[in-house]
Amino acid sequence: MSESPFMVRVECYSGYRGEETPRRFFIDGRCVDVAEVLDRWLAPDHRYFKLRSAEGDLYVLRHETGADFWELTLFESASSPP
């Protein structure tokens, strides 16, 4: 089975309430460290996280909670013109 290029492996921090927050993730073997969680949207079956990397890039990750599946839904390079 081949993986979608937008599937990611995510390492999370689980706070005192047990809510998982992405701290780093891997795309095509490249590690992306999360510098800041800008926003999050929660629903019963999935969550979205808007993240800024240490390099300044913007990402939105979607977590399908029931299947424990993560995917990249948005990427914006910090070096892209506005």
PDB file of N, CA and C in Angstrom:
ATOM      1  N   MET A   1       0.845  -1.171   0.000  1.00  0.00           N
ATOM      2  CA  MET A   1       0.000   0.000   0.000  1.00  0.00           C
ATOM      3  C   MET A   1       0.889   1.232   0.000  1.00  0.00           C
ATOM      4  N   SER A   2       0.613   2.197  -0.861  1.00  0.00           N
ATOM      5  CA  SER A   2       1.405   3.422  -0.902  1.00  0.00           C
ATOM      6  C   SER A   2       0.756   4.481  -0.022  1.00  0.00           C
ATOM      7  N   GLU A   3       1.594   5.323   0.561  1.00  0.00           N
ATOM      8  CA  GLU A   3       1.092   6.402   1.404  1.00  0.00           C
ATOM      9  C   GLU A   3       0.849   7.648   0.566  1.00  0.00           C
ATOM     10  N   SER A   4      -0.158   8.397   0.962  1.00  0.00           N
ATOM     11  CA  SER A   4      -0.413   9.693   0.351  1.00  0.00           C
ATOM     12  C   SER A   4       0.731  10.630   0.702  1.00  0.00           C
ATOM     13  N   PRO A   5       1.142  11.511  -0.211  1.00  0.00           N
ATOM     14  CA  PRO A   5       2.222  12.441   0.110  1.00  0.00           C
ATOM     15  C   PRO A   5       1.838  13.430   1.203  1.00  0.00           C
ATOM     16  N   PHE A   6       0.562  13.501   1.545  1.00  0.00           N
ATOM     17  CA  PHE A   6       0.114  14.441   2.563  1.00  0.00           C
ATOM     18  C   PHE A   6      -0.076  13.798   3.936  1.00  0.00           C
ATOM     19  N   MET A   7       0.195  12.504   4.044  1.00  0.00           N
ATOM     20  CA  MET A   7       0.133  11.838   5.341  1.00  0.00           C
ATOM     21  C   MET A   7       1.399  12.181   6.121  1.00  0.00           C
ATOM     22  N   VAL A   8       1.231  12.401   7.403  1.00  0.00           N
ATOM     23  CA  VAL A   8       2.362  12.779   8.237  1.00  0.00           C
ATOM     24  C   VAL A   8       2.368  11.937   9.507  1.00  0.00           C
ATOM     25  N   ARG A   9       3.565  11.794  10.086  1.00  0.00           N
ATOM     26  CA  ARG A   9       3.704  11.171  11.405  1.00  0.00           C
ATOM     27  C   ARG A   9       3.904  12.305  12.385  1.00  0.00           C
ATOM     28  N   VAL A  10       3.131  12.303  13.462  1.00  0.00           N
ATOM     29  CA  VAL A  10       3.117  13.419  14.399  1.00  0.00           C
ATOM     30  C   VAL A  10       3.500  12.939  15.787  1.00  0.00           C
ATOM     31  N   GLU A  11       4.385  13.692  16.447  1.00  0.00           N
ATOM     32  CA  GLU A  11       4.709  13.478  17.854  1.00  0.00           C
ATOM     33  C   GLU A  11       4.015  14.572  18.644  1.00  0.00           C
ATOM     34  N   CYS A  12       3.301  14.163  19.690  1.00  0.00           N
ATOM     35  CA  CYS A  12       2.482  15.102  20.449  1.00  0.00           C
ATOM     36  C   CYS A  12       2.913  15.176  21.904  1.00  0.00           C
ATOM     37  N   TYR A  13       2.515  16.269  22.528  1.00  0.00           N
ATOM     38  CA  TYR A  13       2.620  16.443  23.966  1.00  0.00           C
ATOM     39  C   TYR A  13       1.210  16.315  24.512  1.00  0.00           C
ATOM     40  N   SER A  14       1.047  15.506  25.533  1.00  0.00           N
ATOM     41  CA  SER A  14      -0.257  15.343  26.145  1.00  0.00           C
ATOM     42  C   SER A  14      -0.257  16.090  27.469  1.00  0.00           C
ATOM     43  N   GLY A  15      -1.024  17.161  27.550  1.00  0.00           N
ATOM     44  CA  GLY A  15      -1.074  18.001  28.741  1.00  0.00           C
ATOM     45  C   GLY A  15      -1.818  17.342  29.890  1.00  0.00           C
ATOM     46  N   TYR A  16      -2.010  18.086  30.948  1.00  0.00           N
ATOM     47  CA  TYR A  16      -2.621  17.544  32.152  1.00  0.00           C
ATOM     48  C   TYR A  16      -4.067  17.110  31.935  1.00  0.00           C
ATOM     49  N   ARG A  17      -4.732  17.658  30.919  1.00  0.00           N
ATOM     50  CA  ARG A  17      -6.103  17.230  30.617  1.00  0.00           C
ATOM     51  C   ARG A  17      -6.132  16.106  29.592  1.00  0.00           C
ATOM     52  N   GLY A  18      -4.982  15.668  29.133  1.00  0.00           N
ATOM     53  CA  GLY A  18      -4.913  14.561  28.191  1.00  0.00           C
ATOM     54  C   GLY A  18      -5.099  14.958  26.748  1.00  0.00           C
ATOM     55  N   GLU A  19      -5.226  16.264  26.465  1.00  0.00           N
ATOM     56  CA  GLU A  19      -5.392  16.711  25.079  1.00  0.00           C
ATOM     57  C   GLU A  19      -4.038  16.719  24.390  1.00  0.00           C
ATOM     58  N   GLU A  20      -3.954  16.070  23.251  1.00  0.00           N
ATOM     59  CA  GLU A  20      -2.700  15.993  22.521  1.00  0.00           C
ATOM     60  C   GLU A  20      -2.490  17.239  21.679  1.00  0.00           C
ATOM     61  N   THR A  21      -1.262  17.759  21.722  1.00  0.00           N
ATOM     62  CA  THR A  21      -0.876  18.932  20.942  1.00  0.00           C
ATOM     63  C   THR A  21       0.387  18.593  20.164  1.00  0.00           C
ATOM     64  N   PRO A  22       0.399  18.773  18.837  1.00  0.00           N
ATOM     65  CA  PRO A  22       1.590  18.463  18.049  1.00  0.00           C
ATOM     66  C   PRO A  22       2.807  19.278  18.502  1.00  0.00           C
ATOM     67  N   ARG A  23       3.944  18.598  18.624  1.00  0.00           N
ATOM     68  CA  ARG A  23       5.212  19.248  18.967  1.00  0.00           C
ATOM     69  C   ARG A  23       6.208  19.176  17.813  1.00  0.00           C
ATOM     70  N   ARG A  24       6.119  18.099  17.028  1.00  0.00           N
ATOM     71  CA  ARG A  24       6.931  17.945  15.812  1.00  0.00           C
ATOM     72  C   ARG A  24       6.213  16.932  14.936  1.00  0.00           C
ATOM     73  N   PHE A  25       6.522  17.013  13.625  1.00  0.00           N
ATOM     74  CA  PHE A  25       5.949  16.035  12.706  1.00  0.00           C
ATOM     75  C   PHE A  25       6.929  15.787  11.585  1.00  0.00           C
ATOM     76  N   PHE A  26       6.683  14.716  10.864  1.00  0.00           N
ATOM     77  CA  PHE A  26       7.597  14.252   9.829  1.00  0.00           C
ATOM     78  C   PHE A  26       6.850  14.132   8.507  1.00  0.00           C
ATOM     79  N   ILE A  27       7.423  14.752   7.466  1.00  0.00           N
ATOM     80  CA  ILE A  27       6.892  14.671   6.108  1.00  0.00           C
ATOM     81  C   ILE A  27       8.035  14.196   5.219  1.00  0.00           C
ATOM     82  N   ASP A  28       7.840  13.100   4.529  1.00  0.00           N
ATOM     83  CA  ASP A  28       8.874  12.538   3.646  1.00  0.00           C
ATOM     84  C   ASP A  28      10.215  12.410   4.367  1.00  0.00           C
ATOM     85  N   GLY A  29      10.192  12.009   5.628  1.00  0.00           N
ATOM     86  CA  GLY A  29      11.409  11.804   6.394  1.00  0.00           C
ATOM     87  C   GLY A  29      12.023  13.068   6.961  1.00  0.00           C
ATOM     88  N   ARG A  30      11.453  14.223   6.658  1.00  0.00           N
ATOM     89  CA  ARG A  30      11.968  15.508   7.169  1.00  0.00           C
ATOM     90  C   ARG A  30      11.221  15.881   8.439  1.00  0.00           C
ATOM     91  N   CYS A  31      11.967  16.241   9.489  1.00  0.00           N
ATOM     92  CA  CYS A  31      11.381  16.627  10.769  1.00  0.00           C
ATOM     93  C   CYS A  31      11.053  18.116  10.759  1.00  0.00           C
ATOM     94  N   VAL A  32       9.833  18.447  11.182  1.00  0.00           N
ATOM     95  CA  VAL A  32       9.394  19.841  11.312  1.00  0.00           C
ATOM     96  C   VAL A  32       9.066  20.076  12.784  1.00  0.00           C
ATOM     97  N   ASP A  33       9.828  20.967  13.433  1.00  0.00           N
ATOM     98  CA  ASP A  33       9.572  21.318  14.828  1.00  0.00           C
ATOM     99  C   ASP A  33       8.532  22.420  14.890  1.00  0.00           C
ATOM    100  N   VAL A  34       7.542  22.239  15.768  1.00  0.00           N
ATOM    101  CA  VAL A  34       6.481  23.222  15.944  1.00  0.00           C
ATOM    102  C   VAL A  34       6.965  24.297  16.909  1.00  0.00           C
ATOM    103  N   ALA A  35       6.989  25.539  16.449  1.00  0.00           N
ATOM    104  CA  ALA A  35       7.383  26.663  17.297  1.00  0.00           C
ATOM    105  C   ALA A  35       6.182  27.247  18.030  1.00  0.00           C
ATOM    106  N   GLU A  36       5.010  27.181  17.363  1.00  0.00           N
ATOM    107  CA  GLU A  36       3.827  27.818  17.946  1.00  0.00           C
ATOM    108  C   GLU A  36       2.559  27.170  17.401  1.00  0.00           C
ATOM    109  N   VAL A  37       1.600  26.936  18.289  1.00  0.00           N
ATOM    110  CA  VAL A  37       0.260  26.523  17.882  1.00  0.00           C
ATOM    111  C   VAL A  37      -0.558  27.801  17.798  1.00  0.00           C
ATOM    112  N   LEU A  38      -0.935  28.173  16.573  1.00  0.00           N
ATOM    113  CA  LEU A  38      -1.640  29.433  16.341  1.00  0.00           C
ATOM    114  C   LEU A  38      -3.133  29.333  16.612  1.00  0.00           C
ATOM    115  N   ASP A  39      -3.707  28.163  16.318  1.00  0.00           N
ATOM    116  CA  ASP A  39      -5.146  27.974  16.492  1.00  0.00           C
ATOM    117  C   ASP A  39      -5.434  26.479  16.478  1.00  0.00           C
ATOM    118  N   ARG A  40      -6.617  26.142  16.933  1.00  0.00           N
ATOM    119  CA  ARG A  40      -7.082  24.749  16.875  1.00  0.00           C
ATOM    120  C   ARG A  40      -8.601  24.737  16.778  1.00  0.00           C
ATOM    121  N   TRP A  41      -9.111  23.773  16.021  1.00  0.00           N
ATOM    122  CA  TRP A  41     -10.546  23.582  15.873  1.00  0.00           C
ATOM    123  C   TRP A  41     -10.838  22.160  16.294  1.00  0.00           C
ATOM    124  N   LEU A  42     -11.780  21.994  17.212  1.00  0.00           N
ATOM    125  CA  LEU A  42     -12.088  20.677  17.748  1.00  0.00           C
ATOM    126  C   LEU A  42     -13.503  20.279  17.370  1.00  0.00           C
ATOM    127  N   ALA A  43     -13.669  19.016  17.023  1.00  0.00           N
ATOM    128  CA  ALA A  43     -14.970  18.421  16.735  1.00  0.00           C
ATOM    129  C   ALA A  43     -14.966  17.020  17.350  1.00  0.00           C
ATOM    130  N   PRO A  44     -16.117  16.373  17.442  1.00  0.00           N
ATOM    131  CA  PRO A  44     -16.133  15.050  18.066  1.00  0.00           C
ATOM    132  C   PRO A  44     -15.247  14.004  17.378  1.00  0.00           C
ATOM    133  N   ASP A  45     -15.115  14.064  16.050  1.00  0.00           N
ATOM    134  CA  ASP A  45     -14.382  13.004  15.352  1.00  0.00           C
ATOM    135  C   ASP A  45     -13.061  13.453  14.723  1.00  0.00           C
ATOM    136  N   HIS A  46     -12.750  14.750  14.746  1.00  0.00           N
ATOM    137  CA  HIS A  46     -11.475  15.218  14.195  1.00  0.00           C
ATOM    138  C   HIS A  46     -11.093  16.563  14.802  1.00  0.00           C
ATOM    139  N   ARG A  47      -9.813  16.900  14.638  1.00  0.00           N
ATOM    140  CA  ARG A  47      -9.282  18.171  15.131  1.00  0.00           C
ATOM    141  C   ARG A  47      -8.358  18.754  14.076  1.00  0.00           C
ATOM    142  N   TYR A  48      -8.309  20.060  14.018  1.00  0.00           N
ATOM    143  CA  TYR A  48      -7.367  20.769  13.159  1.00  0.00           C
ATOM    144  C   TYR A  48      -6.435  21.594  14.030  1.00  0.00           C
ATOM    145  N   PHE A  49      -5.167  21.668  13.621  1.00  0.00           N
ATOM    146  CA  PHE A  49      -4.178  22.484  14.314  1.00  0.00           C
ATOM    147  C   PHE A  49      -3.489  23.380  13.293  1.00  0.00           C
ATOM    148  N   LYS A  50      -3.499  24.681  13.543  1.00  0.00           N
ATOM    149  CA  LYS A  50      -2.771  25.640  12.708  1.00  0.00           C
ATOM    150  C   LYS A  50      -1.446  25.904  13.417  1.00  0.00           C
ATOM    151  N   LEU A  51      -0.340  25.579  12.746  1.00  0.00           N
ATOM    152  CA  LEU A  51       0.975  25.586  13.375  1.00  0.00           C
ATOM    153  C   LEU A  51       1.963  26.441  12.606  1.00  0.00           C
ATOM    154  N   ARG A  52       2.911  27.030  13.349  1.00  0.00           N
ATOM    155  CA  ARG A  52       4.038  27.714  12.732  1.00  0.00           C
ATOM    156  C   ARG A  52       5.285  26.937  13.109  1.00  0.00           C
ATOM    157  N   SER A  53       6.112  26.632  12.102  1.00  0.00           N
ATOM    158  CA  SER A  53       7.349  25.878  12.344  1.00  0.00           C
ATOM    159  C   SER A  53       8.442  26.815  12.841  1.00  0.00           C
ATOM    160  N   ALA A  54       9.535  26.230  13.291  1.00  0.00           N
ATOM    161  CA  ALA A  54      10.694  27.009  13.734  1.00  0.00           C
ATOM    162  C   ALA A  54      11.252  27.848  12.587  1.00  0.00           C
ATOM    163  N   GLU A  55      11.044  27.418  11.331  1.00  0.00           N
ATOM    164  CA  GLU A  55      11.512  28.156  10.158  1.00  0.00           C
ATOM    165  C   GLU A  55      10.532  29.245   9.735  1.00  0.00           C
ATOM    166  N   GLY A  56       9.368  29.325  10.385  1.00  0.00           N
ATOM    167  CA  GLY A  56       8.380  30.345  10.052  1.00  0.00           C
ATOM    168  C   GLY A  56       7.316  29.895   9.079  1.00  0.00           C
ATOM    169  N   ASP A  57       7.377  28.643   8.602  1.00  0.00           N
ATOM    170  CA  ASP A  57       6.367  28.127   7.681  1.00  0.00           C
ATOM    171  C   ASP A  57       5.053  27.882   8.422  1.00  0.00           C
ATOM    172  N   LEU A  58       3.947  27.949   7.697  1.00  0.00           N
ATOM    173  CA  LEU A  58       2.619  27.754   8.252  1.00  0.00           C
ATOM    174  C   LEU A  58       2.064  26.408   7.779  1.00  0.00           C
ATOM    175  N   TYR A  59       1.500  25.641   8.710  1.00  0.00           N
ATOM    176  CA  TYR A  59       0.926  24.333   8.409  1.00  0.00           C
ATOM    177  C   TYR A  59      -0.436  24.222   9.083  1.00  0.00           C
ATOM    178  N   VAL A  60      -1.339  23.468   8.464  1.00  0.00           N
ATOM    179  CA  VAL A  60      -2.563  23.041   9.125  1.00  0.00           C
ATOM    180  C   VAL A  60      -2.590  21.522   9.033  1.00  0.00           C
ATOM    181  N   LEU A  61      -2.658  20.889  10.205  1.00  0.00           N
ATOM    182  CA  LEU A  61      -2.741  19.435  10.292  1.00  0.00           C
ATOM    183  C   LEU A  61      -4.129  19.036  10.752  1.00  0.00           C
ATOM    184  N   ARG A  62      -4.643  17.957  10.188  1.00  0.00           N
ATOM    185  CA  ARG A  62      -5.943  17.403  10.566  1.00  0.00           C
ATOM    186  C   ARG A  62      -5.709  16.052  11.221  1.00  0.00           C
ATOM    187  N   HIS A  63      -6.329  15.848  12.377  1.00  0.00           N
ATOM    188  CA  HIS A  63      -6.212  14.579  13.100  1.00  0.00           C
ATOM    189  C   HIS A  63      -7.575  13.919  13.146  1.00  0.00           C
ATOM    190  N   GLU A  64      -7.682  12.760  12.519  1.00  0.00           N
ATOM    191  CA  GLU A  64      -8.883  11.935  12.574  1.00  0.00           C
ATOM    192  C   GLU A  64      -8.772  11.108  13.849  1.00  0.00           C
ATOM    193  N   THR A  65      -9.498  11.492  14.893  1.00  0.00           N
ATOM    194  CA  THR A  65      -9.269  10.930  16.219  1.00  0.00           C
ATOM    195  C   THR A  65      -9.625   9.452  16.319  1.00  0.00           C
ATOM    196  N   GLY A  66     -10.702   9.023  15.710  1.00  0.00           N
ATOM    197  CA  GLY A  66     -11.104   7.622  15.808  1.00  0.00           C
ATOM    198  C   GLY A  66     -10.103   6.677  15.178  1.00  0.00           C
ATOM    199  N   ALA A  67      -9.527   7.064  14.051  1.00  0.00           N
ATOM    200  CA  ALA A  67      -8.567   6.219  13.339  1.00  0.00           C
ATOM    201  C   ALA A  67      -7.121   6.578  13.682  1.00  0.00           C
ATOM    202  N   ASP A  68      -6.927   7.615  14.486  1.00  0.00           N
ATOM    203  CA  ASP A  68      -5.601   8.130  14.831  1.00  0.00           C
ATOM    204  C   ASP A  68      -4.766   8.345  13.566  1.00  0.00           C
ATOM    205  N   PHE A  69      -5.342   9.103  12.655  1.00  0.00           N
ATOM    206  CA  PHE A  69      -4.761   9.367  11.343  1.00  0.00           C
ATOM    207  C   PHE A  69      -4.517  10.864  11.224  1.00  0.00           C
ATOM    208  N   TRP A  70      -3.311  11.256  10.817  1.00  0.00           N
ATOM    209  CA  TRP A  70      -2.947  12.656  10.627  1.00  0.00           C
ATOM    210  C   TRP A  70      -2.712  12.930   9.148  1.00  0.00           C
ATOM    211  N   GLU A  71      -3.092  14.130   8.695  1.00  0.00           N
ATOM    212  CA  GLU A  71      -2.793  14.543   7.331  1.00  0.00           C
ATOM    213  C   GLU A  71      -2.522  16.039   7.281  1.00  0.00           C
ATOM    214  N   LEU A  72      -1.711  16.432   6.316  1.00  0.00           N
ATOM    215  CA  LEU A  72      -1.406  17.831   6.065  1.00  0.00           C
ATOM    216  C   LEU A  72      -2.493  18.397   5.157  1.00  0.00           C
ATOM    217  N   THR A  73      -3.154  19.471   5.593  1.00  0.00           N
ATOM    218  CA  THR A  73      -4.209  20.061   4.767  1.00  0.00           C
ATOM    219  C   THR A  73      -3.815  21.416   4.196  1.00  0.00           C
ATOM    220  N   LEU A  74      -2.761  22.057   4.757  1.00  0.00           N
ATOM    221  CA  LEU A  74      -2.317  23.344   4.240  1.00  0.00           C
ATOM    222  C   LEU A  74      -0.852  23.537   4.552  1.00  0.00           C
ATOM    223  N   PHE A  75      -0.120  24.101   3.600  1.00  0.00           N
ATOM    224  CA  PHE A  75       1.265  24.491   3.798  1.00  0.00           C
ATOM    225  C   PHE A  75       1.493  25.827   3.134  1.00  0.00           C
ATOM    226  N   GLU A  76       2.120  26.749   3.851  1.00  0.00           N
ATOM    227  CA  GLU A  76       2.470  28.052   3.294  1.00  0.00           C
ATOM    228  C   GLU A  76       3.910  28.360   3.711  1.00  0.00           C
ATOM    229  N   SER A  77       4.777  28.497   2.759  1.00  0.00           N
ATOM    230  CA  SER A  77       6.193  28.758   3.034  1.00  0.00           C
ATOM    231  C   SER A  77       6.394  30.179   3.522  1.00  0.00           C
ATOM    232  N   ALA A  78       7.257  30.349   4.499  1.00  0.00           N
ATOM    233  CA  ALA A  78       7.575  31.688   4.996  1.00  0.00           C
ATOM    234  C   ALA A  78       8.301  32.496   3.939  1.00  0.00           C
ATOM    235  N   SER A  79       8.948  31.824   3.001  1.00  0.00           N
ATOM    236  CA  SER A  79       9.692  32.533   1.963  1.00  0.00           C
ATOM    237  C   SER A  79       8.855  32.857   0.737  1.00  0.00           C
ATOM    238  N   SER A  80       7.580  32.470   0.738  1.00  0.00           N
ATOM    239  CA  SER A  80       6.691  32.791  -0.385  1.00  0.00           C
ATOM    240  C   SER A  80       6.327  34.266  -0.366  1.00  0.00           C
ATOM    241  N   PRO A  81       6.228  34.890  -1.522  1.00  0.00           N
ATOM    242  CA  PRO A  81       5.804  36.291  -1.546  1.00  0.00           C
ATOM    243  C   PRO A  81       4.344  36.401  -1.101  1.00  0.00           C
ATOM    244  N   PRO A  82       3.957  37.511  -0.467  1.00  0.00           N
ATOM    245  CA  PRO A  82       2.571  37.670   0.020  1.00  0.00           C
ATOM    246  C   PRO A  82       1.549  37.718  -1.087  1.00  0.00           C
TER     247      PRO A  82
END
